[in-house]
Amino acid sequence: MNIMVIELAHRKIGTQPVRHKRSLKIEDNVGECIHIHYRNLRLDLSINDFLAFADQVAIADGKLKAMAASLPPERRRRRWGLFTRS
């Protein structure tokens, strides 16, 4: 049983109809675990696993941005804000 849940992030992710919610939500179940809800997928991660996952996402984001920067502008895709953050 969770004593408290803190929502760390919540974002709408597109307008395509899907079977479940069209959002991304990350929750901190204080002292227990982190839940990531993405459409019909739910990840239940320990805090250490979440931190390792977040590090890998940050590395992948850097690689994607570097790859996008090397493409001509007409070949870059702008989807869900990809490549548009500073």
PDB file of N, CA and C in Angstrom:
ATOM      1  N   MET A   1       0.835  -1.183   0.000  1.00  0.00           N
ATOM      2  CA  MET A   1       0.000   0.000   0.000  1.00  0.00           C
ATOM      3  C   MET A   1       0.876   1.243   0.000  1.00  0.00           C
ATOM      4  N   ASN A   2       0.571   2.168  -0.871  1.00  0.00           N
ATOM      5  CA  ASN A   2       1.350   3.394  -0.962  1.00  0.00           C
ATOM      6  C   ASN A   2       0.820   4.436   0.009  1.00  0.00           C
ATOM      7  N   ILE A   3       1.717   4.998   0.782  1.00  0.00           N
ATOM      8  CA  ILE A   3       1.326   6.040   1.723  1.00  0.00           C
ATOM      9  C   ILE A   3       0.993   7.316   0.967  1.00  0.00           C
ATOM     10  N   MET A   4       1.803   7.620  -0.057  1.00  0.00           N
ATOM     11  CA  MET A   4       1.611   8.840  -0.814  1.00  0.00           C
ATOM     12  C   MET A   4       2.154   8.645  -2.225  1.00  0.00           C
ATOM     13  N   VAL A   5       1.498   9.225  -3.207  1.00  0.00           N
ATOM     14  CA  VAL A   5       1.952   9.189  -4.593  1.00  0.00           C
ATOM     15  C   VAL A   5       2.128  10.622  -5.055  1.00  0.00           C
ATOM     16  N   ILE A   6       3.308  10.946  -5.578  1.00  0.00           N
ATOM     17  CA  ILE A   6       3.583  12.271  -6.105  1.00  0.00           C
ATOM     18  C   ILE A   6       3.735  12.150  -7.616  1.00  0.00           C
ATOM     19  N   GLU A   7       2.934  12.899  -8.357  1.00  0.00           N
ATOM     20  CA  GLU A   7       3.035  12.878  -9.814  1.00  0.00           C
ATOM     21  C   GLU A   7       4.225  13.731 -10.219  1.00  0.00           C
ATOM     22  N   LEU A   8       5.227  13.115 -10.846  1.00  0.00           N
ATOM     23  CA  LEU A   8       6.443  13.807 -11.240  1.00  0.00           C
ATOM     24  C   LEU A   8       6.309  14.477 -12.595  1.00  0.00           C
ATOM     25  N   ALA A   9       5.523  13.896 -13.490  1.00  0.00           N
ATOM     26  CA  ALA A   9       5.338  14.469 -14.822  1.00  0.00           C
ATOM     27  C   ALA A   9       4.055  13.936 -15.416  1.00  0.00           C
ATOM     28  N   HIS A  10       3.443  14.750 -16.276  1.00  0.00           N
ATOM     29  CA  HIS A  10       2.242  14.321 -16.983  1.00  0.00           C
ATOM     30  C   HIS A  10       2.164  15.144 -18.264  1.00  0.00           C
ATOM     31  N   ARG A  11       2.038  14.479 -19.403  1.00  0.00           N
ATOM     32  CA  ARG A  11       2.023  15.180 -20.672  1.00  0.00           C
ATOM     33  C   ARG A  11       1.139  14.451 -21.669  1.00  0.00           C
ATOM     34  N   LYS A  12       0.342  15.199 -22.423  1.00  0.00           N
ATOM     35  CA  LYS A  12      -0.421  14.598 -23.520  1.00  0.00           C
ATOM     36  C   LYS A  12       0.561  14.264 -24.627  1.00  0.00           C
ATOM     37  N   ILE A  13       0.358  13.119 -25.285  1.00  0.00           N
ATOM     38  CA  ILE A  13       1.329  12.668 -26.278  1.00  0.00           C
ATOM     39  C   ILE A  13       0.671  12.298 -27.593  1.00  0.00           C
ATOM     40  N   GLY A  14       0.084  13.256 -28.229  1.00  0.00           N
ATOM     41  CA  GLY A  14      -0.457  13.000 -29.549  1.00  0.00           C
ATOM     42  C   GLY A  14      -1.967  12.921 -29.555  1.00  0.00           C
ATOM     43  N   THR A  15      -2.501  12.876 -30.747  1.00  0.00           N
ATOM     44  CA  THR A  15      -3.945  12.880 -30.911  1.00  0.00           C
ATOM     45  C   THR A  15      -4.466  11.622 -31.591  1.00  0.00           C
ATOM     46  N   GLN A  16      -3.590  10.674 -31.878  1.00  0.00           N
ATOM     47  CA  GLN A  16      -4.034   9.441 -32.515  1.00  0.00           C
ATOM     48  C   GLN A  16      -4.905   8.655 -31.543  1.00  0.00           C
ATOM     49  N   PRO A  17      -6.041   8.140 -32.037  1.00  0.00           N
ATOM     50  CA  PRO A  17      -6.866   7.332 -31.130  1.00  0.00           C
ATOM     51  C   PRO A  17      -6.147   6.031 -30.762  1.00  0.00           C
ATOM     52  N   VAL A  18      -6.150   5.727 -29.516  1.00  0.00           N
ATOM     53  CA  VAL A  18      -5.533   4.488 -29.025  1.00  0.00           C
ATOM     54  C   VAL A  18      -6.503   3.824 -28.070  1.00  0.00           C
ATOM     55  N   ARG A  19      -6.197   2.623 -27.704  1.00  0.00           N
ATOM     56  CA  ARG A  19      -7.092   1.878 -26.824  1.00  0.00           C
ATOM     57  C   ARG A  19      -7.193   2.516 -25.436  1.00  0.00           C
ATOM     58  N   HIS A  20      -6.105   3.068 -24.951  1.00  0.00           N
ATOM     59  CA  HIS A  20      -6.097   3.649 -23.611  1.00  0.00           C
ATOM     60  C   HIS A  20      -5.707   5.120 -23.676  1.00  0.00           C
ATOM     61  N   LYS A  21      -5.417   5.687 -22.549  1.00  0.00           N
ATOM     62  CA  LYS A  21      -5.103   7.106 -22.434  1.00  0.00           C
ATOM     63  C   LYS A  21      -4.017   7.529 -23.419  1.00  0.00           C
ATOM     64  N   ARG A  22      -4.086   8.780 -23.811  1.00  0.00           N
ATOM     65  CA  ARG A  22      -3.078   9.347 -24.695  1.00  0.00           C
ATOM     66  C   ARG A  22      -2.180  10.262 -23.878  1.00  0.00           C
ATOM     67  N   SER A  23      -1.512   9.715 -22.905  1.00  0.00           N
ATOM     68  CA  SER A  23      -0.671  10.555 -22.058  1.00  0.00           C
ATOM     69  C   SER A  23       0.506   9.764 -21.517  1.00  0.00           C
ATOM     70  N   LEU A  24       1.455  10.512 -21.006  1.00  0.00           N
ATOM     71  CA  LEU A  24       2.607   9.953 -20.311  1.00  0.00           C
ATOM     72  C   LEU A  24       2.557  10.504 -18.898  1.00  0.00           C
ATOM     73  N   LYS A  25       2.609   9.614 -17.906  1.00  0.00           N
ATOM     74  CA  LYS A  25       2.578  10.043 -16.515  1.00  0.00           C
ATOM     75  C   LYS A  25       3.664   9.293 -15.757  1.00  0.00           C
ATOM     76  N   ILE A  26       4.405  10.023 -14.938  1.00  0.00           N
ATOM     77  CA  ILE A  26       5.441   9.424 -14.095  1.00  0.00           C
ATOM     78  C   ILE A  26       5.086   9.748 -12.653  1.00  0.00           C
ATOM     79  N   GLU A  27       4.996   8.710 -11.820  1.00  0.00           N
ATOM     80  CA  GLU A  27       4.601   8.882 -10.422  1.00  0.00           C
ATOM     81  C   GLU A  27       5.677   8.340  -9.495  1.00  0.00           C
ATOM     82  N   ASP A  28       5.893   9.055  -8.415  1.00  0.00           N
ATOM     83  CA  ASP A  28       6.783   8.598  -7.348  1.00  0.00           C
ATOM     84  C   ASP A  28       5.906   8.071  -6.230  1.00  0.00           C
ATOM     85  N   ASN A  29       5.922   6.775  -6.024  1.00  0.00           N
ATOM     86  CA  ASN A  29       5.221   6.163  -4.892  1.00  0.00           C
ATOM     87  C   ASN A  29       6.198   6.203  -3.724  1.00  0.00           C
ATOM     88  N   VAL A  30       6.117   7.273  -2.994  1.00  0.00           N
ATOM     89  CA  VAL A  30       7.126   7.676  -2.022  1.00  0.00           C
ATOM     90  C   VAL A  30       7.653   6.499  -1.207  1.00  0.00           C
ATOM     91  N   GLY A  31       8.962   6.303  -1.304  1.00  0.00           N
ATOM     92  CA  GLY A  31       9.638   5.281  -0.535  1.00  0.00           C
ATOM     93  C   GLY A  31       9.538   3.878  -1.092  1.00  0.00           C
ATOM     94  N   GLU A  32       8.784   3.685  -2.179  1.00  0.00           N
ATOM     95  CA  GLU A  32       8.598   2.331  -2.690  1.00  0.00           C
ATOM     96  C   GLU A  32       9.131   2.157  -4.106  1.00  0.00           C
ATOM     97  N   CYS A  33       8.554   2.879  -5.065  1.00  0.00           N
ATOM     98  CA  CYS A  33       8.918   2.666  -6.455  1.00  0.00           C
ATOM     99  C   CYS A  33       8.465   3.846  -7.307  1.00  0.00           C
ATOM    100  N   ILE A  34       8.805   3.783  -8.579  1.00  0.00           N
ATOM    101  CA  ILE A  34       8.383   4.769  -9.563  1.00  0.00           C
ATOM    102  C   ILE A  34       7.507   4.050 -10.585  1.00  0.00           C
ATOM    103  N   HIS A  35       6.364   4.637 -10.907  1.00  0.00           N
ATOM    104  CA  HIS A  35       5.491   4.100 -11.956  1.00  0.00           C
ATOM    105  C   HIS A  35       5.568   5.016 -13.167  1.00  0.00           C
ATOM    106  N   ILE A  36       5.735   4.423 -14.332  1.00  0.00           N
ATOM    107  CA  ILE A  36       5.664   5.154 -15.590  1.00  0.00           C
ATOM    108  C   ILE A  36       4.470   4.597 -16.347  1.00  0.00           C
ATOM    109  N   HIS A  37       3.507   5.452 -16.669  1.00  0.00           N
ATOM    110  CA  HIS A  37       2.325   5.067 -17.435  1.00  0.00           C
ATOM    111  C   HIS A  37       2.465   5.690 -18.819  1.00  0.00           C
ATOM    112  N   TYR A  38       2.487   4.876 -19.856  1.00  0.00           N
ATOM    113  CA  TYR A  38       2.545   5.351 -21.239  1.00  0.00           C
ATOM    114  C   TYR A  38       1.490   4.597 -22.027  1.00  0.00           C
ATOM    115  N   ARG A  39       0.416   5.296 -22.374  1.00  0.00           N
ATOM    116  CA  ARG A  39      -0.729   4.687 -23.044  1.00  0.00           C
ATOM    117  C   ARG A  39      -1.168   3.430 -22.302  1.00  0.00           C
ATOM    118  N   ASN A  40      -1.071   2.253 -22.888  1.00  0.00           N
ATOM    119  CA  ASN A  40      -1.530   1.055 -22.188  1.00  0.00           C
ATOM    120  C   ASN A  40      -0.381   0.271 -21.554  1.00  0.00           C
ATOM    121  N   LEU A  41       0.763   0.922 -21.359  1.00  0.00           N
ATOM    122  CA  LEU A  41       1.935   0.289 -20.747  1.00  0.00           C
ATOM    123  C   LEU A  41       2.178   0.906 -19.372  1.00  0.00           C
ATOM    124  N   ARG A  42       2.443   0.068 -18.381  1.00  0.00           N
ATOM    125  CA  ARG A  42       2.786   0.553 -17.040  1.00  0.00           C
ATOM    126  C   ARG A  42       4.074  -0.117 -16.603  1.00  0.00           C
ATOM    127  N   LEU A  43       5.084   0.705 -16.286  1.00  0.00           N
ATOM    128  CA  LEU A  43       6.349   0.190 -15.769  1.00  0.00           C
ATOM    129  C   LEU A  43       6.399   0.450 -14.275  1.00  0.00           C
ATOM    130  N   ASP A  44       6.793  -0.540 -13.524  1.00  0.00           N
ATOM    131  CA  ASP A  44       6.921  -0.453 -12.078  1.00  0.00           C
ATOM    132  C   ASP A  44       8.404  -0.662 -11.778  1.00  0.00           C
ATOM    133  N   LEU A  45       9.115   0.421 -11.459  1.00  0.00           N
ATOM    134  CA  LEU A  45      10.569   0.361 -11.302  1.00  0.00           C
ATOM    135  C   LEU A  45      10.988   0.733  -9.886  1.00  0.00           C
ATOM    136  N   SER A  46      12.028   0.063  -9.410  1.00  0.00           N
ATOM    137  CA  SER A  46      12.632   0.505  -8.154  1.00  0.00           C
ATOM    138  C   SER A  46      13.267   1.872  -8.425  1.00  0.00           C
ATOM    139  N   ILE A  47      13.592   2.588  -7.378  1.00  0.00           N
ATOM    140  CA  ILE A  47      14.191   3.911  -7.564  1.00  0.00           C
ATOM    141  C   ILE A  47      15.530   3.789  -8.292  1.00  0.00           C
ATOM    142  N   ASN A  48      16.341   2.798  -7.940  1.00  0.00           N
ATOM    143  CA  ASN A  48      17.626   2.614  -8.629  1.00  0.00           C
ATOM    144  C   ASN A  48      17.431   2.259 -10.101  1.00  0.00           C
ATOM    145  N   ASP A  49      16.461   1.386 -10.385  1.00  0.00           N
ATOM    146  CA  ASP A  49      16.175   1.038 -11.782  1.00  0.00           C
ATOM    147  C   ASP A  49      15.674   2.252 -12.556  1.00  0.00           C
ATOM    148  N   PHE A  50      14.834   3.069 -11.920  1.00  0.00           N
ATOM    149  CA  PHE A  50      14.341   4.276 -12.587  1.00  0.00           C
ATOM    150  C   PHE A  50      15.481   5.227 -12.911  1.00  0.00           C
ATOM    151  N   LEU A  51      16.393   5.427 -11.970  1.00  0.00           N
ATOM    152  CA  LEU A  51      17.521   6.328 -12.208  1.00  0.00           C
ATOM    153  C   LEU A  51      18.410   5.818 -13.348  1.00  0.00           C
ATOM    154  N   ALA A  52      18.636   4.495 -13.401  1.00  0.00           N
ATOM    155  CA  ALA A  52      19.413   3.915 -14.505  1.00  0.00           C
ATOM    156  C   ALA A  52      18.669   4.088 -15.831  1.00  0.00           C
ATOM    157  N   PHE A  53      17.354   3.873 -15.816  1.00  0.00           N
ATOM    158  CA  PHE A  53      16.530   4.052 -17.013  1.00  0.00           C
ATOM    159  C   PHE A  53      16.583   5.511 -17.482  1.00  0.00           C
ATOM    160  N   ALA A  54      16.444   6.448 -16.547  1.00  0.00           N
ATOM    161  CA  ALA A  54      16.481   7.875 -16.888  1.00  0.00           C
ATOM    162  C   ALA A  54      17.831   8.263 -17.487  1.00  0.00           C
ATOM    163  N   ASP A  55      18.920   7.706 -16.954  1.00  0.00           N
ATOM    164  CA  ASP A  55      20.248   7.976 -17.516  1.00  0.00           C
ATOM    165  C   ASP A  55      20.332   7.492 -18.955  1.00  0.00           C
ATOM    166  N   GLN A  56      19.806   6.310 -19.227  1.00  0.00           N
ATOM    167  CA  GLN A  56      19.852   5.766 -20.589  1.00  0.00           C
ATOM    168  C   GLN A  56      18.969   6.564 -21.548  1.00  0.00           C
ATOM    169  N   VAL A  57      17.835   7.052 -21.060  1.00  0.00           N
ATOM    170  CA  VAL A  57      16.973   7.899 -21.894  1.00  0.00           C
ATOM    171  C   VAL A  57      17.699   9.197 -22.234  1.00  0.00           C
ATOM    172  N   ALA A  58      18.388   9.786 -21.264  1.00  0.00           N
ATOM    173  CA  ALA A  58      19.138  11.021 -21.508  1.00  0.00           C
ATOM    174  C   ALA A  58      20.258  10.784 -22.532  1.00  0.00           C
ATOM    175  N   ILE A  59      20.932   9.653 -22.448  1.00  0.00           N
ATOM    176  CA  ILE A  59      21.991   9.317 -23.417  1.00  0.00           C
ATOM    177  C   ILE A  59      21.391   9.160 -24.811  1.00  0.00           C
ATOM    178  N   ALA A  60      20.268   8.440 -24.904  1.00  0.00           N
ATOM    179  CA  ALA A  60      19.604   8.240 -26.195  1.00  0.00           C
ATOM    180  C   ALA A  60      19.122   9.571 -26.768  1.00  0.00           C
ATOM    181  N   ASP A  61      18.612  10.454 -25.913  1.00  0.00           N
ATOM    182  CA  ASP A  61      18.154  11.771 -26.362  1.00  0.00           C
ATOM    183  C   ASP A  61      19.316  12.555 -26.971  1.00  0.00           C
ATOM    184  N   GLY A  62      20.473  12.527 -26.334  1.00  0.00           N
ATOM    185  CA  GLY A  62      21.651  13.212 -26.870  1.00  0.00           C
ATOM    186  C   GLY A  62      22.074  12.649 -28.215  1.00  0.00           C
ATOM    187  N   LYS A  63      22.023  11.326 -28.342  1.00  0.00           N
ATOM    188  CA  LYS A  63      22.396  10.696 -29.614  1.00  0.00           C
ATOM    189  C   LYS A  63      21.409  11.049 -30.720  1.00  0.00           C
ATOM    190  N   LEU A  64      20.110  11.067 -30.387  1.00  0.00           N
ATOM    191  CA  LEU A  64      19.097  11.438 -31.375  1.00  0.00           C
ATOM    192  C   LEU A  64      19.277  12.878 -31.837  1.00  0.00           C
ATOM    193  N   LYS A  65      19.552  13.781 -30.907  1.00  0.00           N
ATOM    194  CA  LYS A  65      19.758  15.186 -31.266  1.00  0.00           C
ATOM    195  C   LYS A  65      20.987  15.345 -32.153  1.00  0.00           C
ATOM    196  N   ALA A  66      22.055  14.628 -31.836  1.00  0.00           N
ATOM    197  CA  ALA A  66      23.263  14.697 -32.657  1.00  0.00           C
ATOM    198  C   ALA A  66      22.990  14.144 -34.053  1.00  0.00           C
ATOM    199  N   MET A  67      22.250  13.043 -34.119  1.00  0.00           N
ATOM    200  CA  MET A  67      21.919  12.443 -35.405  1.00  0.00           C
ATOM    201  C   MET A  67      21.034  13.395 -36.218  1.00  0.00           C
ATOM    202  N   ALA A  68      20.060  14.009 -35.570  1.00  0.00           N
ATOM    203  CA  ALA A  68      19.155  14.932 -36.259  1.00  0.00           C
ATOM    204  C   ALA A  68      19.907  16.153 -36.774  1.00  0.00           C
ATOM    205  N   ALA A  69      20.867  16.620 -35.991  1.00  0.00           N
ATOM    206  CA  ALA A  69      21.633  17.797 -36.408  1.00  0.00           C
ATOM    207  C   ALA A  69      22.441  17.522 -37.672  1.00  0.00           C
ATOM    208  N   SER A  70      22.792  16.263 -37.903  1.00  0.00           N
ATOM    209  CA  SER A  70      23.585  15.923 -39.084  1.00  0.00           C
ATOM    210  C   SER A  70      22.719  15.728 -40.331  1.00  0.00           C
ATOM    211  N   LEU A  71      21.397  15.672 -40.162  1.00  0.00           N
ATOM    212  CA  LEU A  71      20.496  15.497 -41.297  1.00  0.00           C
ATOM    213  C   LEU A  71      20.168  16.836 -41.945  1.00  0.00           C
ATOM    214  N   PRO A  72      19.907  16.839 -43.248  1.00  0.00           N
ATOM    215  CA  PRO A  72      19.423  18.073 -43.859  1.00  0.00           C
ATOM    216  C   PRO A  72      18.053  18.414 -43.265  1.00  0.00           C
ATOM    217  N   PRO A  73      17.707  19.704 -43.151  1.00  0.00           N
ATOM    218  CA  PRO A  73      16.454  20.106 -42.495  1.00  0.00           C
ATOM    219  C   PRO A  73      15.214  19.414 -43.042  1.00  0.00           C
ATOM    220  N   GLU A  74      15.163  19.156 -44.331  1.00  0.00           N
ATOM    221  CA  GLU A  74      13.960  18.535 -44.904  1.00  0.00           C
ATOM    222  C   GLU A  74      13.789  17.079 -44.485  1.00  0.00           C
ATOM    223  N   ARG A  75      14.832  16.446 -43.952  1.00  0.00           N
ATOM    224  CA  ARG A  75      14.734  15.049 -43.532  1.00  0.00           C
ATOM    225  C   ARG A  75      14.471  14.903 -42.040  1.00  0.00           C
ATOM    226  N   ARG A  76      14.485  15.996 -41.304  1.00  0.00           N
ATOM    227  CA  ARG A  76      14.230  15.933 -39.863  1.00  0.00           C
ATOM    228  C   ARG A  76      12.747  15.801 -39.615  1.00  0.00           C
ATOM    229  N   ARG A  77      12.395  14.936 -38.693  1.00  0.00           N
ATOM    230  CA  ARG A  77      10.979  14.741 -38.344  1.00  0.00           C
ATOM    231  C   ARG A  77      10.691  15.501 -37.062  1.00  0.00           C
ATOM    232  N   ARG A  78       9.578  16.153 -37.035  1.00  0.00           N
ATOM    233  CA  ARG A  78       9.152  16.859 -35.817  1.00  0.00           C
ATOM    234  C   ARG A  78       7.894  16.169 -35.324  1.00  0.00           C
ATOM    235  N   ARG A  79       8.073  15.268 -34.390  1.00  0.00           N
ATOM    236  CA  ARG A  79       6.953  14.500 -33.868  1.00  0.00           C
ATOM    237  C   ARG A  79       7.063  14.437 -32.352  1.00  0.00           C
ATOM    238  N   TRP A  80       6.008  14.783 -31.657  1.00  0.00           N
ATOM    239  CA  TRP A  80       5.966  14.780 -30.190  1.00  0.00           C
ATOM    240  C   TRP A  80       7.047  15.659 -29.587  1.00  0.00           C
ATOM    241  N   GLY A  81       7.464  16.697 -30.320  1.00  0.00           N
ATOM    242  CA  GLY A  81       8.477  17.600 -29.789  1.00  0.00           C
ATOM    243  C   GLY A  81       9.894  17.073 -29.965  1.00  0.00           C
ATOM    244  N   LEU A  82      10.050  15.958 -30.663  1.00  0.00           N
ATOM    245  CA  LEU A  82      11.375  15.382 -30.857  1.00  0.00           C
ATOM    246  C   LEU A  82      12.269  16.371 -31.604  1.00  0.00           C
ATOM    247  N   PHE A  83      13.448  16.565 -31.122  1.00  0.00           N
ATOM    248  CA  PHE A  83      14.475  17.441 -31.692  1.00  0.00           C
ATOM    249  C   PHE A  83      14.139  18.933 -31.544  1.00  0.00           C
ATOM    250  N   THR A  84      13.121  19.272 -30.810  1.00  0.00           N
ATOM    251  CA  THR A  84      12.750  20.683 -30.709  1.00  0.00           C
ATOM    252  C   THR A  84      13.121  21.303 -29.367  1.00  0.00           C
ATOM    253  N   ARG A  85      13.550  20.524 -28.418  1.00  0.00           N
ATOM    254  CA  ARG A  85      13.937  21.083 -27.126  1.00  0.00           C
ATOM    255  C   ARG A  85      15.318  21.676 -27.226  1.00  0.00           C
ATOM    256  N   SER A  86      15.584  22.689 -26.409  1.00  0.00           N
ATOM    257  CA  SER A  86      16.906  23.301 -26.421  1.00  0.00           C
ATOM    258  C   SER A  86      17.820  22.618 -25.422  1.00  0.00           C
TER     259      SER A  86
END
